Amino acid sequence: MCGSLLRLARTRRRDNDVRMTQIPSGRLELPRDPSDFDDAIGTPRPARVSLLALLSMVVGILTLLGCCVPFVGPVGGLVALGLGIAAFMMIRRSEGRLRGWGAAAAGVVTGLIAAVGGSIVLVLLSQVAYAAGAYQKVVEIGQRDDQSELVGVLTVESANAITKDELVSFRERSLDALGPIRGARGGARAWVEGYLQAGRLPPAVQQKYVQFGKSSILAIPLRFEKGDAALLIVFDHSQPDPQLSFGRVVNAAIAPMDGGDLIWIIDPARDLSLPPPVVVPAIPEVLPGG
């Protein structure tokens, strides 16, 4: 009897393969592929998860985590986005044989966020790199002891406050501790090390110079003849300059990487709103009968 039932099932399956079925919508549906069934009775196979959907999700998540690395966000985000869209198309055409809409959607969303976020990071990094080249001229000018040229990059208050003695002191101390400047240091590690040096600023100095919407601090990694250091530039947003991306310079300090003392152009303890101190030459004492 079992053999008869098996032969009957096989006969019906052959009939279904040959016959075309009219469905209510008026369209003709071709017989399903025999590989879609598990056995001779015709039990449908469970839907498989789309490999493209899983790959899109994995690439999107990894790219989102590393989107701050230059070029990783835009490139990886577009790859995840393309894989997710391709997965959507394959799942839709599979007639139920494939699944993974959620994974494909996750890949598309994370890929889109990573691509946009990575592009923004790339633009910001390019602006910071351009600004670093402009602001490092402060050290070059300071080591040349050229007060007239330095005034051109300082804010109005700082230009009126700086003294010749401060500029001479900056030149002598920077050359003695680090030697002449050689240029900017490249690489993400150098920038991280530079910003760590900003943490050496006393809280009172940070509170004085970091004011939301007005002034901020930019740490630029530099290379000198005797070692590396970070240039801590305090810039003023309210006093823009075509050559300086973030605004004119309020003050600047060199922070040696070996932990040496900060070398300021202007003493941060001074109130820049007050006129510079006037040095009165000492009057020689005249002895009676001299």
Protein backbone atom coordinates (compact mmCIF):
# COMPACT_ATOMS: atom_id res chain seq x y z
CA MET A 1 0.00 0.00 0.00
CA CYS A 2 2.86 2.38 0.78
CA GLY A 3 4.29 1.70 -2.63
CA SER A 4 0.99 2.64 -4.25
CA LEU A 5 0.85 5.94 -2.35
CA LEU A 6 4.42 6.75 -3.38
CA ARG A 7 3.66 6.03 -7.05
CA LEU A 8 0.52 8.18 -6.82
CA ALA A 9 2.51 11.10 -5.35
CA ARG A 10 5.11 10.85 -8.11
CA THR A 11 2.41 10.77 -10.78
CA ARG A 12 0.75 13.92 -9.38
CA ARG A 13 4.10 15.67 -9.23
CA ARG A 14 4.77 14.91 -12.93
CA ASP A 15 1.31 16.19 -13.78
CA ASN A 16 1.99 19.43 -11.89
CA ASP A 17 5.27 19.90 -13.71
CA VAL A 18 3.53 19.68 -17.07
CA ARG A 19 0.31 21.57 -16.28
CA MET A 20 0.19 25.36 -15.97
CA THR A 21 -2.15 26.72 -13.34
CA GLN A 22 -4.45 29.71 -13.84
CA ILE A 23 -4.41 31.96 -10.74
CA PRO A 24 -7.16 34.48 -9.83
CA SER A 25 -5.13 37.51 -10.92
CA GLY A 26 -5.20 36.31 -14.50
CA ARG A 27 -1.46 35.63 -14.70
CA LEU A 28 0.04 32.25 -15.52
CA GLU A 29 2.43 30.80 -12.97
CA LEU A 30 5.06 28.31 -14.07
CA PRO A 31 5.64 25.18 -11.98
CA ARG A 32 8.14 25.55 -9.13
CA ASP A 33 11.67 24.23 -9.52
CA PRO A 34 11.89 20.62 -8.20
CA SER A 35 14.99 21.63 -6.18
CA ASP A 36 12.69 23.79 -4.03
CA PHE A 37 11.21 20.66 -2.45
CA ASP A 38 12.77 18.36 0.11
CA ASP A 39 11.24 15.04 -0.89
CA ALA A 40 9.10 13.27 -3.43
CA ILE A 41 5.90 14.26 -1.63
CA GLY A 42 6.64 17.94 -2.33
CA THR A 43 7.48 19.48 1.07
CA PRO A 44 8.87 23.02 0.39
CA ARG A 45 12.41 23.79 1.50
CA PRO A 46 12.81 26.49 4.20
CA ALA A 47 13.95 29.88 2.89
CA ARG A 48 17.70 30.53 3.07
CA VAL A 49 19.24 33.74 4.44
CA SER A 50 20.75 35.82 1.67
CA LEU A 51 24.54 35.85 1.83
CA LEU A 52 24.60 39.33 0.33
CA ALA A 53 22.31 40.60 3.08
CA LEU A 54 24.58 39.21 5.80
CA LEU A 55 27.67 40.57 4.07
CA SER A 56 26.07 44.00 3.72
CA MET A 57 25.23 44.10 7.42
CA VAL A 58 28.72 43.02 8.51
CA VAL A 59 30.48 45.50 6.21
CA GLY A 60 28.14 48.30 7.28
CA ILE A 61 28.70 47.71 11.01
CA LEU A 62 32.49 47.44 10.66
CA THR A 63 32.61 50.57 8.50
CA LEU A 64 30.47 52.49 10.95
CA LEU A 65 32.87 51.61 13.76
CA GLY A 66 35.86 52.80 11.72
CA CYS A 67 34.30 55.69 9.81
CA CYS A 68 36.64 58.20 11.54
CA VAL A 69 39.60 56.65 9.72
CA PRO A 70 40.21 58.60 6.49
CA PHE A 71 38.55 57.05 3.39
CA VAL A 72 37.24 54.03 5.34
CA GLY A 73 33.79 55.56 5.93
CA PRO A 74 32.99 56.69 2.36
CA VAL A 75 34.41 53.60 0.63
CA GLY A 76 33.12 50.97 3.06
CA GLY A 77 29.75 52.72 3.38
CA LEU A 78 29.18 52.66 -0.39
CA VAL A 79 30.15 48.97 -0.53
CA ALA A 80 27.68 48.10 2.24
CA LEU A 81 24.99 50.20 0.54
CA GLY A 82 25.52 48.45 -2.80
CA LEU A 83 25.48 44.99 -1.24
CA GLY A 84 22.28 45.79 0.64
CA ILE A 85 20.47 47.01 -2.48
CA ALA A 86 21.62 43.93 -4.42
CA ALA A 87 20.36 41.73 -1.57
CA PHE A 88 16.95 43.43 -1.69
CA MET A 89 16.67 42.70 -5.41
CA MET A 90 17.70 39.05 -5.07
CA ILE A 91 15.30 38.42 -2.16
CA ARG A 92 12.43 39.98 -4.08
CA ARG A 93 13.07 37.85 -7.15
CA SER A 94 13.59 34.61 -5.21
CA GLU A 95 9.83 33.98 -4.77
CA GLY A 96 10.27 33.12 -1.10
CA ARG A 97 13.41 31.01 -1.45
CA LEU A 98 15.57 33.72 0.17
CA ARG A 99 15.08 35.82 3.28
CA GLY A 100 17.12 38.50 5.08
CA TRP A 101 15.23 41.76 4.62
CA GLY A 102 16.27 42.89 8.11
CA ALA A 103 19.98 42.21 7.56
CA ALA A 104 19.91 43.96 4.19
CA ALA A 105 18.12 46.96 5.71
CA ALA A 106 20.71 47.11 8.51
CA GLY A 107 23.50 47.07 5.94
CA VAL A 108 21.91 49.85 3.90
CA VAL A 109 21.30 52.07 6.97
CA THR A 110 24.73 51.57 8.55
CA GLY A 111 26.44 51.95 5.18
CA LEU A 112 24.62 55.21 4.50
CA ILE A 113 25.46 56.62 7.94
CA ALA A 114 29.10 55.54 7.61
CA ALA A 115 29.43 57.07 4.14
CA VAL A 116 27.97 60.42 5.22
CA GLY A 117 29.86 60.47 8.52
CA GLY A 118 33.13 59.45 6.89
CA SER A 119 32.77 62.16 4.24
CA ILE A 120 32.22 64.79 6.94
CA VAL A 121 35.27 63.55 8.86
CA LEU A 122 37.34 63.64 5.66
CA VAL A 123 36.34 67.25 4.96
CA LEU A 124 37.12 68.28 8.55
CA LEU A 125 40.50 66.55 8.47
CA SER A 126 41.42 68.30 5.22
CA GLN A 127 40.51 71.66 6.77
CA VAL A 128 42.54 70.91 9.89
CA ALA A 129 45.54 69.83 7.78
CA TYR A 130 45.32 73.08 5.80
CA ALA A 131 45.01 75.09 9.02
CA ALA A 132 48.02 73.33 10.52
CA GLY A 133 50.23 74.56 7.71
CA ALA A 134 49.05 78.14 8.25
CA TYR A 135 49.25 78.18 12.05
CA GLN A 136 52.72 76.62 12.26
CA LYS A 137 54.00 79.87 10.74
CA VAL A 138 53.50 81.38 14.19
CA VAL A 139 56.48 79.36 15.41
CA GLU A 140 58.53 80.17 12.32
CA ILE A 141 57.87 83.90 12.75
CA GLY A 142 58.49 83.74 16.50
CA GLN A 143 61.84 82.01 16.05
CA ARG A 144 62.83 84.72 13.57
CA ASP A 145 61.98 87.36 16.20
CA ASP A 146 59.88 89.26 13.63
CA GLN A 147 57.33 91.16 15.72
CA SER A 148 55.88 93.11 12.79
CA GLU A 149 54.99 89.91 10.88
CA LEU A 150 53.69 88.17 13.99
CA VAL A 151 51.29 91.04 14.68
CA GLY A 152 49.65 90.24 11.33
CA VAL A 153 48.35 86.88 12.59
CA LEU A 154 47.46 87.90 16.15
CA THR A 155 44.13 89.25 17.33
CA VAL A 156 43.89 92.98 17.95
CA GLU A 157 44.16 92.52 21.72
CA SER A 158 47.17 90.19 21.49
CA ALA A 159 48.93 92.40 18.93
CA ASN A 160 48.60 95.37 21.29
CA ALA A 161 49.67 93.33 24.32
CA ILE A 162 52.76 91.47 23.11
CA THR A 163 56.11 92.94 24.02
CA LYS A 164 59.51 92.69 22.41
CA ASP A 165 60.91 91.03 25.53
CA GLU A 166 58.26 88.25 25.35
CA LEU A 167 59.06 87.57 21.70
CA VAL A 168 62.81 87.44 22.42
CA SER A 169 62.16 85.07 25.34
CA PHE A 170 60.02 82.80 23.13
CA ARG A 171 62.73 82.67 20.50
CA GLU A 172 65.55 81.89 22.92
CA ARG A 173 63.63 79.30 24.95
CA SER A 174 62.23 77.45 21.91
CA LEU A 175 65.60 77.30 20.13
CA ASP A 176 67.37 76.20 23.31
CA ALA A 177 64.84 73.46 24.14
CA LEU A 178 63.92 72.15 20.68
CA GLY A 179 65.99 73.89 18.02
CA PRO A 180 64.59 75.26 14.72
CA ILE A 181 61.23 73.99 13.49
CA ARG A 182 61.37 71.36 10.72
CA GLY A 183 57.67 71.05 9.85
CA ALA A 184 54.45 69.27 10.78
CA ARG A 185 54.23 65.61 11.78
CA GLY A 186 51.81 63.42 9.87
CA GLY A 187 49.67 60.47 10.86
CA ALA A 188 46.78 59.86 13.22
CA ARG A 189 49.10 58.87 16.08
CA ALA A 190 50.90 62.22 15.91
CA TRP A 191 47.61 64.12 16.14
CA VAL A 192 46.44 62.06 19.10
CA GLU A 193 49.73 62.70 20.89
CA GLY A 194 49.41 66.40 20.10
CA TYR A 195 45.94 66.66 21.61
CA LEU A 196 47.09 64.80 24.70
CA GLN A 197 49.53 67.64 25.28
CA ALA A 198 46.60 70.05 25.49
CA GLY A 199 45.67 68.30 28.73
CA ARG A 200 48.79 69.78 30.31
CA LEU A 201 47.22 73.23 30.34
CA PRO A 202 46.19 74.33 33.84
CA PRO A 203 42.41 74.48 34.40
CA ALA A 204 42.55 78.26 34.84
CA VAL A 205 44.23 78.65 31.43
CA GLN A 206 41.73 76.32 29.76
CA GLN A 207 38.83 78.20 31.29
CA LYS A 208 40.32 81.47 30.06
CA TYR A 209 40.95 80.40 26.48
CA VAL A 210 38.20 77.85 25.74
CA GLN A 211 34.99 79.85 25.34
CA PHE A 212 32.07 78.35 23.42
CA GLY A 213 31.42 80.25 20.19
CA LYS A 214 34.44 82.53 20.61
CA SER A 215 37.79 80.83 21.13
CA SER A 216 39.17 77.29 21.12
CA ILE A 217 42.50 75.43 21.19
CA LEU A 218 44.02 73.56 18.24
CA ALA A 219 46.90 71.13 18.90
CA ILE A 220 49.28 70.72 15.94
CA PRO A 221 52.04 68.05 16.06
CA LEU A 222 55.37 69.54 14.97
CA ARG A 223 58.88 68.25 14.43
CA PHE A 224 61.89 70.24 15.60
CA GLU A 225 65.60 69.68 15.20
CA LYS A 226 65.99 68.30 18.74
CA GLY A 227 62.68 66.48 19.12
CA ASP A 228 58.91 66.55 18.68
CA ALA A 229 56.40 68.91 20.25
CA ALA A 230 52.81 70.07 19.96
CA LEU A 231 51.88 73.63 19.06
CA LEU A 232 48.86 74.70 21.10
CA ILE A 233 47.15 77.48 19.16
CA VAL A 234 44.42 79.55 20.81
CA PHE A 235 42.32 81.09 18.03
CA ASP A 236 39.42 83.53 18.05
CA HIS A 237 36.43 82.72 15.82
CA SER A 238 35.16 86.30 16.02
CA GLN A 239 38.26 87.66 14.25
CA PRO A 240 38.47 85.77 10.93
CA ASP A 241 41.38 85.90 8.53
CA PRO A 242 41.52 84.66 4.91
CA GLN A 243 44.82 82.83 5.57
CA LEU A 244 43.81 81.36 8.93
CA SER A 245 40.97 78.84 8.73
CA PHE A 246 39.65 79.19 12.28
CA GLY A 247 40.48 82.81 13.08
CA ARG A 248 43.33 84.97 14.32
CA VAL A 249 45.67 83.80 17.06
CA VAL A 250 45.06 84.85 20.67
CA ASN A 251 48.10 83.05 22.05
CA ALA A 252 50.30 80.05 21.32
CA ALA A 253 52.47 77.67 23.29
CA ILE A 254 54.95 74.92 22.40
CA ALA A 255 54.50 71.74 24.47
CA PRO A 256 57.58 69.46 24.18
CA MET A 257 56.71 65.76 23.99
CA ASP A 258 59.36 64.95 26.59
CA GLY A 259 57.34 66.78 29.24
CA GLY A 260 59.32 70.01 29.24
CA ASP A 261 57.83 73.33 30.29
CA LEU A 262 55.32 75.05 28.02
CA ILE A 263 56.86 77.85 25.97
CA TRP A 264 54.30 80.68 25.56
CA ILE A 265 54.46 83.60 23.18
CA ILE A 266 52.45 85.75 25.61
CA ASP A 267 52.33 85.06 29.33
CA PRO A 268 48.86 83.49 29.87
CA ALA A 269 48.65 85.11 33.32
CA ARG A 270 48.46 88.54 31.74
CA ASP A 271 45.17 90.31 31.06
CA LEU A 272 45.26 91.14 27.35
CA SER A 273 42.69 93.89 27.81
CA LEU A 274 45.30 95.90 29.73
CA PRO A 275 48.21 97.71 28.05
CA PRO A 276 51.59 95.95 28.15
CA PRO A 277 53.76 96.70 31.12
CA VAL A 278 56.10 99.63 30.68
CA VAL A 279 59.66 98.93 31.63
CA VAL A 280 61.22 101.98 33.19
CA PRO A 281 65.00 102.02 32.97
CA ALA A 282 66.76 102.27 36.25
CA ILE A 283 68.21 105.68 37.07
CA PRO A 284 71.79 105.43 38.26
CA GLU A 285 72.26 106.67 41.74
CA VAL A 286 74.41 109.81 41.90
CA LEU A 287 76.64 109.87 44.88
CA PRO A 288 77.19 113.18 46.59
CA GLY A 289 80.21 114.95 45.31
CA GLY A 290 80.34 112.50 42.37
